[in-house]
């Protein structure tokens, strides 16, 4: 579904030349949930914006279902970290969720049905008439997720969407993403700085190096498909996986050579 080939991004200006991303290559299969994790400042957000067509890469290419991405593609939706900035405070929740649907040319009845379905899916069926500022932070991020779902994307890009919420809300939202991913079959590329979150959510974890960024390792997460915050996080295999990813990130900070790709760590 997603094919990233030799992606490179260099920022230039005011006499500066900063290489943020260097030769990134990986794929995401249709219906897969992949988490991207790496050292702080390694260019995760830059990578995601290039994949989503929001930034023009300096080199390399991104393909969505075989079509080259040269701007925001119609089959992709983006959930940002700062929900307070991505929702319009003067528009009600239902209007925020339905806003992207206007460009699809749907009639009012179709738009209303998609909005209602998306809000129900995130547990906010009765919130359509509220304003975002009347909701908690976690509920506002649910609205942002509902807006992406209503658009019916093939691929959902999520940029550290739970970084600004408390731990309990974060756990609820993680389970929400897993449920929606299973129910709707959307391909999800999820950026996070939280190692435990990456292992809990992902079917695969792509570990990035320090900047300038390359793919350090691709880790298959061989945990059961049915996961929950209680038993999954205390399972010995979860501890092994998160320890392995942590070791890889610490090694990336030191500039050590990668240990391998696309393999689960040994038991």
C-alpha atoms as a PDB file:
ATOM      1  CA  UNK A   1       0.000   0.000   0.000  1.00  0.00           C
ATOM      2  CA  UNK A   2       2.838   2.391   0.925  1.00  0.00           C
ATOM      3  CA  UNK A   3       6.224   2.214  -0.743  1.00  0.00           C
ATOM      4  CA  UNK A   4       8.945   4.589   0.468  1.00  0.00           C
ATOM      5  CA  UNK A   5      12.038   4.496  -1.743  1.00  0.00           C
ATOM      6  CA  UNK A   6      15.280   6.240  -0.891  1.00  0.00           C
ATOM      7  CA  UNK A   7      13.530   9.157   0.787  1.00  0.00           C
ATOM      8  CA  UNK A   8      15.766  12.108   1.622  1.00  0.00           C
ATOM      9  CA  UNK A   9      14.980  15.519   3.053  1.00  0.00           C
ATOM     10  CA  UNK A  10      17.397  18.421   3.416  1.00  0.00           C
ATOM     11  CA  UNK A  11      16.439  21.776   4.912  1.00  0.00           C
ATOM     12  CA  UNK A  12      18.331  24.737   3.476  1.00  0.00           C
ATOM     13  CA  UNK A  13      18.199  28.423   4.291  1.00  0.00           C
ATOM     14  CA  UNK A  14      20.120  31.263   5.928  1.00  0.00           C
ATOM     15  CA  UNK A  15      23.368  29.604   4.987  1.00  0.00           C
ATOM     16  CA  UNK A  16      22.443  26.353   6.728  1.00  0.00           C
ATOM     17  CA  UNK A  17      22.257  22.849   5.272  1.00  0.00           C
ATOM     18  CA  UNK A  18      20.540  20.324   7.533  1.00  0.00           C
ATOM     19  CA  UNK A  19      20.005  16.759   6.360  1.00  0.00           C
ATOM     20  CA  UNK A  20      17.033  15.485   8.360  1.00  0.00           C
ATOM     21  CA  UNK A  21      16.290  12.235   6.516  1.00  0.00           C
ATOM     22  CA  UNK A  22      18.783  10.184   4.530  1.00  0.00           C
ATOM     23  CA  UNK A  23      17.921   7.270   2.238  1.00  0.00           C
ATOM     24  CA  UNK A  24      14.836   5.898   3.986  1.00  0.00           C
ATOM     25  CA  UNK A  25      13.368   2.803   2.374  1.00  0.00           C
ATOM     26  CA  UNK A  26      10.523   0.649   3.696  1.00  0.00           C
ATOM     27  CA  UNK A  27       7.068  -0.620   2.724  1.00  0.00           C
ATOM     28  CA  UNK A  28       3.719  -0.948   4.486  1.00  0.00           C
ATOM     29  CA  UNK A  29       1.375  -3.668   3.310  1.00  0.00           C
ATOM     30  CA  UNK A  30      -2.344  -3.106   2.809  1.00  0.00           C
ATOM     31  CA  UNK A  31      -4.178  -3.459   6.118  1.00  0.00           C
ATOM     32  CA  UNK A  32      -0.981  -3.402   8.189  1.00  0.00           C
ATOM     33  CA  UNK A  33      -0.437  -1.319  11.348  1.00  0.00           C
ATOM     34  CA  UNK A  34       3.196  -0.192  11.454  1.00  0.00           C
ATOM     35  CA  UNK A  35       4.761   1.971  14.151  1.00  0.00           C
ATOM     36  CA  UNK A  36       7.770   4.218  13.560  1.00  0.00           C
ATOM     37  CA  UNK A  37      10.006   4.885  16.537  1.00  0.00           C
ATOM     38  CA  UNK A  38      13.452   6.393  16.930  1.00  0.00           C
ATOM     39  CA  UNK A  39      15.607   8.772  18.983  1.00  0.00           C
ATOM     40  CA  UNK A  40      14.226  12.225  19.720  1.00  0.00           C
ATOM     41  CA  UNK A  41      14.861  14.625  16.854  1.00  0.00           C
ATOM     42  CA  UNK A  42      15.528  11.870  14.328  1.00  0.00           C
ATOM     43  CA  UNK A  43      13.066  13.233  11.769  1.00  0.00           C
ATOM     44  CA  UNK A  44       9.947  11.114  12.388  1.00  0.00           C
ATOM     45  CA  UNK A  45       7.552  13.989  11.743  1.00  0.00           C
ATOM     46  CA  UNK A  46       9.513  15.125   8.683  1.00  0.00           C
ATOM     47  CA  UNK A  47       9.281  11.595   7.309  1.00  0.00           C
ATOM     48  CA  UNK A  48       5.535  11.403   7.918  1.00  0.00           C
ATOM     49  CA  UNK A  49       4.900  14.775   6.276  1.00  0.00           C
ATOM     50  CA  UNK A  50       6.869  13.662   3.208  1.00  0.00           C
ATOM     51  CA  UNK A  51       4.863  10.427   3.067  1.00  0.00           C
ATOM     52  CA  UNK A  52       1.633  12.434   3.341  1.00  0.00           C
ATOM     53  CA  UNK A  53       2.599  14.849   0.591  1.00  0.00           C
ATOM     54  CA  UNK A  54       2.797  17.810   2.989  1.00  0.00           C
ATOM     55  CA  UNK A  55       6.544  18.261   2.410  1.00  0.00           C
ATOM     56  CA  UNK A  56       8.394  17.816  -0.851  1.00  0.00           C
ATOM     57  CA  UNK A  57      11.313  15.415  -0.393  1.00  0.00           C
ATOM     58  CA  UNK A  58      14.773  16.398  -1.563  1.00  0.00           C
ATOM     59  CA  UNK A  59      15.238  12.945  -3.046  1.00  0.00           C
ATOM     60  CA  UNK A  60      13.549   9.592  -3.333  1.00  0.00           C
ATOM     61  CA  UNK A  61       9.899   8.767  -3.923  1.00  0.00           C
ATOM     62  CA  UNK A  62       6.751   7.703  -2.086  1.00  0.00           C
ATOM     63  CA  UNK A  63       4.030   5.592  -3.712  1.00  0.00           C
ATOM     64  CA  UNK A  64       0.491   5.016  -2.445  1.00  0.00           C
ATOM     65  CA  UNK A  65      -1.120   1.941  -4.026  1.00  0.00           C
ATOM     66  CA  UNK A  66       1.265   2.292  -6.964  1.00  0.00           C
ATOM     67  CA  UNK A  67       0.614   6.020  -7.490  1.00  0.00           C
ATOM     68  CA  UNK A  68       3.428   8.481  -6.864  1.00  0.00           C
ATOM     69  CA  UNK A  69       2.742  10.931  -4.044  1.00  0.00           C
ATOM     70  CA  UNK A  70       3.447  14.484  -5.237  1.00  0.00           C
ATOM     71  CA  UNK A  71       0.989  16.268  -2.909  1.00  0.00           C
ATOM     72  CA  UNK A  72      -1.654  15.233  -0.364  1.00  0.00           C
ATOM     73  CA  UNK A  73      -3.249  12.160  -2.006  1.00  0.00           C
ATOM     74  CA  UNK A  74      -7.028  11.621  -1.906  1.00  0.00           C
ATOM     75  CA  UNK A  75      -6.669   8.174  -0.315  1.00  0.00           C
ATOM     76  CA  UNK A  76      -4.830   9.356   2.786  1.00  0.00           C
ATOM     77  CA  UNK A  77      -5.789  11.050   6.065  1.00  0.00           C
ATOM     78  CA  UNK A  78      -3.530  12.623   8.699  1.00  0.00           C
ATOM     79  CA  UNK A  79      -4.026  12.831  12.478  1.00  0.00           C
ATOM     80  CA  UNK A  80      -1.754  15.439  14.043  1.00  0.00           C
ATOM     81  CA  UNK A  81      -0.264  15.542  17.515  1.00  0.00           C
ATOM     82  CA  UNK A  82      -1.676  18.966  18.383  1.00  0.00           C
ATOM     83  CA  UNK A  83      -5.427  18.372  18.224  1.00  0.00           C
ATOM     84  CA  UNK A  84      -6.030  21.874  19.602  1.00  0.00           C
ATOM     85  CA  UNK A  85      -4.589  23.355  16.432  1.00  0.00           C
ATOM     86  CA  UNK A  86      -6.112  20.915  13.972  1.00  0.00           C
ATOM     87  CA  UNK A  87      -9.715  21.452  15.104  1.00  0.00           C
ATOM     88  CA  UNK A  88     -11.507  24.724  14.372  1.00  0.00           C
ATOM     89  CA  UNK A  89     -12.811  26.095  17.710  1.00  0.00           C
ATOM     90  CA  UNK A  90     -15.586  28.161  16.091  1.00  0.00           C
ATOM     91  CA  UNK A  91     -17.058  25.077  14.380  1.00  0.00           C
ATOM     92  CA  UNK A  92     -19.086  22.435  16.164  1.00  0.00           C
ATOM     93  CA  UNK A  93     -17.759  18.886  16.414  1.00  0.00           C
ATOM     94  CA  UNK A  94     -19.981  17.573  13.611  1.00  0.00           C
ATOM     95  CA  UNK A  95     -18.888  20.414  11.338  1.00  0.00           C
ATOM     96  CA  UNK A  96     -15.209  19.725  12.078  1.00  0.00           C
ATOM     97  CA  UNK A  97     -15.622  16.049  11.255  1.00  0.00           C
ATOM     98  CA  UNK A  98     -17.565  16.752   8.068  1.00  0.00           C
ATOM     99  CA  UNK A  99     -15.298  19.493   6.738  1.00  0.00           C
ATOM    100  CA  UNK A 100     -13.025  17.284   4.550  1.00  0.00           C
ATOM    101  CA  UNK A 101     -16.067  15.630   2.982  1.00  0.00           C
ATOM    102  CA  UNK A 102     -17.059  18.784   1.123  1.00  0.00           C
ATOM    103  CA  UNK A 103     -14.329  18.261  -1.460  1.00  0.00           C
ATOM    104  CA  UNK A 104     -15.626  14.772  -2.190  1.00  0.00           C
ATOM    105  CA  UNK A 105     -18.863  16.159  -3.594  1.00  0.00           C
ATOM    106  CA  UNK A 106     -21.145  14.063  -1.370  1.00  0.00           C
ATOM    107  CA  UNK A 107     -24.675  15.312  -0.803  1.00  0.00           C
ATOM    108  CA  UNK A 108     -25.687  16.511   2.629  1.00  0.00           C
ATOM    109  CA  UNK A 109     -27.347  13.224   3.603  1.00  0.00           C
ATOM    110  CA  UNK A 110     -24.257  11.200   2.758  1.00  0.00           C
ATOM    111  CA  UNK A 111     -21.994  13.600   4.660  1.00  0.00           C
ATOM    112  CA  UNK A 112     -24.286  13.505   7.686  1.00  0.00           C
ATOM    113  CA  UNK A 113     -24.281   9.686   7.693  1.00  0.00           C
ATOM    114  CA  UNK A 114     -20.487   9.475   7.483  1.00  0.00           C
ATOM    115  CA  UNK A 115     -20.069  11.999  10.300  1.00  0.00           C
ATOM    116  CA  UNK A 116     -22.522  10.173  12.542  1.00  0.00           C
ATOM    117  CA  UNK A 117     -20.853   6.806  11.880  1.00  0.00           C
ATOM    118  CA  UNK A 118     -17.365   8.165  12.559  1.00  0.00           C
ATOM    119  CA  UNK A 119     -18.382   9.878  15.810  1.00  0.00           C
ATOM    120  CA  UNK A 120     -20.156   6.725  16.997  1.00  0.00           C
ATOM    121  CA  UNK A 121     -17.028   4.706  16.192  1.00  0.00           C
ATOM    122  CA  UNK A 122     -14.922   6.813  18.561  1.00  0.00           C
ATOM    123  CA  UNK A 123     -17.531   6.912  21.325  1.00  0.00           C
ATOM    124  CA  UNK A 124     -18.781  10.458  20.692  1.00  0.00           C
ATOM    125  CA  UNK A 125     -22.183   9.818  19.142  1.00  0.00           C
ATOM    126  CA  UNK A 126     -23.800  12.570  21.223  1.00  0.00           C
ATOM    127  CA  UNK A 127     -21.074  15.215  20.794  1.00  0.00           C
ATOM    128  CA  UNK A 128     -21.834  16.499  17.283  1.00  0.00           C
ATOM    129  CA  UNK A 129     -23.404  19.714  18.558  1.00  0.00           C
ATOM    130  CA  UNK A 130     -20.631  20.601  21.019  1.00  0.00           C
ATOM    131  CA  UNK A 131     -17.666  22.859  20.355  1.00  0.00           C
ATOM    132  CA  UNK A 132     -14.155  21.353  20.629  1.00  0.00           C
ATOM    133  CA  UNK A 133     -13.250  23.651  23.540  1.00  0.00           C
ATOM    134  CA  UNK A 134     -16.111  22.142  25.532  1.00  0.00           C
ATOM    135  CA  UNK A 135     -14.449  18.709  25.387  1.00  0.00           C
ATOM    136  CA  UNK A 136     -11.467  17.223  27.222  1.00  0.00           C
ATOM    137  CA  UNK A 137      -8.156  16.772  25.433  1.00  0.00           C
ATOM    138  CA  UNK A 138      -8.750  13.080  24.912  1.00  0.00           C
ATOM    139  CA  UNK A 139     -12.198  13.714  23.483  1.00  0.00           C
ATOM    140  CA  UNK A 140     -10.808  16.362  21.144  1.00  0.00           C
ATOM    141  CA  UNK A 141      -8.296  13.851  19.799  1.00  0.00           C
ATOM    142  CA  UNK A 142     -11.162  11.396  19.285  1.00  0.00           C
ATOM    143  CA  UNK A 143     -12.840  14.093  17.188  1.00  0.00           C
ATOM    144  CA  UNK A 144      -9.663  14.412  15.103  1.00  0.00           C
ATOM    145  CA  UNK A 145      -9.619  10.629  14.613  1.00  0.00           C
ATOM    146  CA  UNK A 146     -13.312  10.668  13.679  1.00  0.00           C
ATOM    147  CA  UNK A 147     -12.640  13.342  11.057  1.00  0.00           C
ATOM    148  CA  UNK A 148      -9.993  11.080   9.503  1.00  0.00           C
ATOM    149  CA  UNK A 149     -12.329   8.055   9.582  1.00  0.00           C
ATOM    150  CA  UNK A 150     -15.202   9.944   7.975  1.00  0.00           C
ATOM    151  CA  UNK A 151     -12.954  10.654   5.001  1.00  0.00           C
ATOM    152  CA  UNK A 152     -12.761   6.859   4.402  1.00  0.00           C
ATOM    153  CA  UNK A 153      -8.997   6.787   3.739  1.00  0.00           C
ATOM    154  CA  UNK A 154      -6.978   3.876   2.453  1.00  0.00           C
ATOM    155  CA  UNK A 155      -4.063   4.943   4.654  1.00  0.00           C
ATOM    156  CA  UNK A 156      -4.129   6.709   8.017  1.00  0.00           C
ATOM    157  CA  UNK A 157      -1.008   8.610   9.100  1.00  0.00           C
ATOM    158  CA  UNK A 158      -0.779   9.386  12.820  1.00  0.00           C
ATOM    159  CA  UNK A 159       1.927  11.710  14.161  1.00  0.00           C
ATOM    160  CA  UNK A 160       2.408  11.090  17.908  1.00  0.00           C
ATOM    161  CA  UNK A 161      -1.342  11.645  18.379  1.00  0.00           C
ATOM    162  CA  UNK A 162      -1.411  10.749  22.091  1.00  0.00           C
ATOM    163  CA  UNK A 163       1.665  12.629  23.293  1.00  0.00           C
ATOM    164  CA  UNK A 164      -0.367  15.448  24.876  1.00  0.00           C
ATOM    165  CA  UNK A 165      -2.886  13.388  26.872  1.00  0.00           C
ATOM    166  CA  UNK A 166      -2.649  11.752  30.289  1.00  0.00           C
ATOM    167  CA  UNK A 167      -1.656   8.122  30.770  1.00  0.00           C
ATOM    168  CA  UNK A 168      -5.173   6.741  31.316  1.00  0.00           C
ATOM    169  CA  UNK A 169      -6.551   8.560  28.284  1.00  0.00           C
ATOM    170  CA  UNK A 170      -3.585   7.411  26.252  1.00  0.00           C
ATOM    171  CA  UNK A 171      -4.291   3.775  27.087  1.00  0.00           C
ATOM    172  CA  UNK A 172      -7.943   4.169  26.057  1.00  0.00           C
ATOM    173  CA  UNK A 173      -6.946   5.819  22.769  1.00  0.00           C
ATOM    174  CA  UNK A 174      -4.395   3.103  21.997  1.00  0.00           C
ATOM    175  CA  UNK A 175      -7.107   0.471  22.364  1.00  0.00           C
ATOM    176  CA  UNK A 176      -9.401   2.617  20.217  1.00  0.00           C
ATOM    177  CA  UNK A 177      -6.838   2.663  17.395  1.00  0.00           C
ATOM    178  CA  UNK A 178      -6.361  -1.112  17.574  1.00  0.00           C
ATOM    179  CA  UNK A 179     -10.138  -1.643  17.459  1.00  0.00           C
ATOM    180  CA  UNK A 180     -10.736   0.742  14.560  1.00  0.00           C
ATOM    181  CA  UNK A 181      -7.815  -0.754  12.645  1.00  0.00           C
ATOM    182  CA  UNK A 182      -9.294  -4.257  12.992  1.00  0.00           C
ATOM    183  CA  UNK A 183     -12.858  -3.218  12.229  1.00  0.00           C
ATOM    184  CA  UNK A 184     -12.157  -0.986   9.244  1.00  0.00           C
ATOM    185  CA  UNK A 185      -9.092  -2.636   7.716  1.00  0.00           C
ATOM    186  CA  UNK A 186      -7.282   0.670   7.277  1.00  0.00           C
ATOM    187  CA  UNK A 187      -3.540   0.730   6.682  1.00  0.00           C
ATOM    188  CA  UNK A 188      -1.996   2.677   9.571  1.00  0.00           C
ATOM    189  CA  UNK A 189       1.451   4.281   9.825  1.00  0.00           C
ATOM    190  CA  UNK A 190       1.821   5.465  13.427  1.00  0.00           C
ATOM    191  CA  UNK A 191       4.716   7.648  14.604  1.00  0.00           C
ATOM    192  CA  UNK A 192       5.509   7.629  18.312  1.00  0.00           C
ATOM    193  CA  UNK A 193       8.409   8.358  20.654  1.00  0.00           C
ATOM    194  CA  UNK A 194       7.000   5.883  23.197  1.00  0.00           C
ATOM    195  CA  UNK A 195       8.613   2.449  22.869  1.00  0.00           C
ATOM    196  CA  UNK A 196       5.942   0.631  24.882  1.00  0.00           C
ATOM    197  CA  UNK A 197       3.229   2.205  22.730  1.00  0.00           C
ATOM    198  CA  UNK A 198       4.982   1.142  19.529  1.00  0.00           C
ATOM    199  CA  UNK A 199       5.227  -2.480  20.667  1.00  0.00           C
ATOM    200  CA  UNK A 200       1.665  -2.550  22.047  1.00  0.00           C
ATOM    201  CA  UNK A 201       0.064  -1.092  18.919  1.00  0.00           C
ATOM    202  CA  UNK A 202       2.129  -2.336  16.022  1.00  0.00           C
ATOM    203  CA  UNK A 203       2.166  -5.488  13.988  1.00  0.00           C
ATOM    204  CA  UNK A 204       5.609  -4.289  12.983  1.00  0.00           C
ATOM    205  CA  UNK A 205       7.950  -1.650  14.417  1.00  0.00           C
ATOM    206  CA  UNK A 206      10.323   0.276  12.159  1.00  0.00           C
ATOM    207  CA  UNK A 207      13.241   1.514  14.263  1.00  0.00           C
ATOM    208  CA  UNK A 208      14.924   4.628  12.902  1.00  0.00           C
ATOM    209  CA  UNK A 209      18.483   5.767  13.431  1.00  0.00           C
ATOM    210  CA  UNK A 210      19.576   9.106  14.825  1.00  0.00           C
ATOM    211  CA  UNK A 211      19.511  12.022  12.384  1.00  0.00           C
ATOM    212  CA  UNK A 212      20.232  11.992   9.470  1.00  0.00           C
ATOM    213  CA  UNK A 213      17.742   9.173   9.557  1.00  0.00           C
ATOM    214  CA  UNK A 214      17.854   5.744   7.955  1.00  0.00           C
ATOM    215  CA  UNK A 215      15.921   2.577   8.776  1.00  0.00           C
ATOM    216  CA  UNK A 216      17.894   0.780  11.461  1.00  0.00           C
ATOM    217  CA  UNK A 217      15.703  -2.283  11.936  1.00  0.00           C
ATOM    218  CA  UNK A 218      12.261  -3.634  11.072  1.00  0.00           C
ATOM    219  CA  UNK A 219      10.876  -5.675  13.933  1.00  0.00           C
ATOM    220  CA  UNK A 220       7.989  -8.131  13.658  1.00  0.00           C
ATOM    221  CA  UNK A 221       5.805  -7.936  16.763  1.00  0.00           C
ATOM    222  CA  UNK A 222       4.792 -11.524  17.433  1.00  0.00           C
ATOM    223  CA  UNK A 223       2.270 -10.760  20.171  1.00  0.00           C
ATOM    224  CA  UNK A 224      -1.301 -12.116  20.057  1.00  0.00           C
ATOM    225  CA  UNK A 225      -3.716 -10.190  17.844  1.00  0.00           C
ATOM    226  CA  UNK A 226      -6.030  -9.641  20.816  1.00  0.00           C
ATOM    227  CA  UNK A 227      -4.235  -7.262  23.182  1.00  0.00           C
ATOM    228  CA  UNK A 228      -5.232  -5.409  26.327  1.00  0.00           C
ATOM    229  CA  UNK A 229      -3.543  -2.997  28.669  1.00  0.00           C
ATOM    230  CA  UNK A 230      -3.435  -5.450  31.590  1.00  0.00           C
ATOM    231  CA  UNK A 231      -2.234  -8.827  30.342  1.00  0.00           C
ATOM    232  CA  UNK A 232      -0.305  -7.759  27.220  1.00  0.00           C
ATOM    233  CA  UNK A 233       1.947  -5.264  28.964  1.00  0.00           C
ATOM    234  CA  UNK A 234       2.970  -7.728  31.702  1.00  0.00           C
ATOM    235  CA  UNK A 235       3.611 -10.609  29.295  1.00  0.00           C
ATOM    236  CA  UNK A 236       7.262 -11.760  29.169  1.00  0.00           C
ATOM    237  CA  UNK A 237       7.306 -11.460  25.367  1.00  0.00           C
ATOM    238  CA  UNK A 238       6.178  -7.838  25.555  1.00  0.00           C
ATOM    239  CA  UNK A 239       9.072  -7.110  27.906  1.00  0.00           C
ATOM    240  CA  UNK A 240      11.516  -8.833  25.550  1.00  0.00           C
ATOM    241  CA  UNK A 241      10.298  -6.857  22.555  1.00  0.00           C
ATOM    242  CA  UNK A 242      10.288  -3.469  24.251  1.00  0.00           C
ATOM    243  CA  UNK A 243      13.751  -4.139  25.729  1.00  0.00           C
ATOM    244  CA  UNK A 244      15.067  -5.029  22.291  1.00  0.00           C
ATOM    245  CA  UNK A 245      13.651  -1.836  20.740  1.00  0.00           C
ATOM    246  CA  UNK A 246      15.051   0.232  23.620  1.00  0.00           C
ATOM    247  CA  UNK A 247      18.493  -1.302  23.105  1.00  0.00           C
ATOM    248  CA  UNK A 248      18.318  -0.534  19.386  1.00  0.00           C
ATOM    249  CA  UNK A 249      17.421   3.108  20.007  1.00  0.00           C
ATOM    250  CA  UNK A 250      20.199   3.512  22.556  1.00  0.00           C
ATOM    251  CA  UNK A 251      22.624   1.962  20.072  1.00  0.00           C
ATOM    252  CA  UNK A 252      21.313   4.339  17.399  1.00  0.00           C
ATOM    253  CA  UNK A 253      22.164   7.281  19.643  1.00  0.00           C
ATOM    254  CA  UNK A 254      25.714   5.941  19.916  1.00  0.00           C
ATOM    255  CA  UNK A 255      25.899   5.428  16.159  1.00  0.00           C
ATOM    256  CA  UNK A 256      26.353   1.659  16.404  1.00  0.00           C
ATOM    257  CA  UNK A 257      25.764  -0.590  13.397  1.00  0.00           C
ATOM    258  CA  UNK A 258      22.352  -2.205  13.060  1.00  0.00           C
ATOM    259  CA  UNK A 259      21.870  -5.775  14.222  1.00  0.00           C
ATOM    260  CA  UNK A 260      19.528  -6.846  11.424  1.00  0.00           C
ATOM    261  CA  UNK A 261      16.157  -6.200   9.788  1.00  0.00           C
ATOM    262  CA  UNK A 262      12.657  -7.631   9.698  1.00  0.00           C
ATOM    263  CA  UNK A 263      13.228 -10.254  12.403  1.00  0.00           C
ATOM    264  CA  UNK A 264      11.728 -10.673  15.842  1.00  0.00           C
ATOM    265  CA  UNK A 265      14.276 -10.627  18.667  1.00  0.00           C
ATOM    266  CA  UNK A 266      15.143 -14.079  20.007  1.00  0.00           C
ATOM    267  CA  UNK A 267      13.157 -15.484  22.938  1.00  0.00           C
END
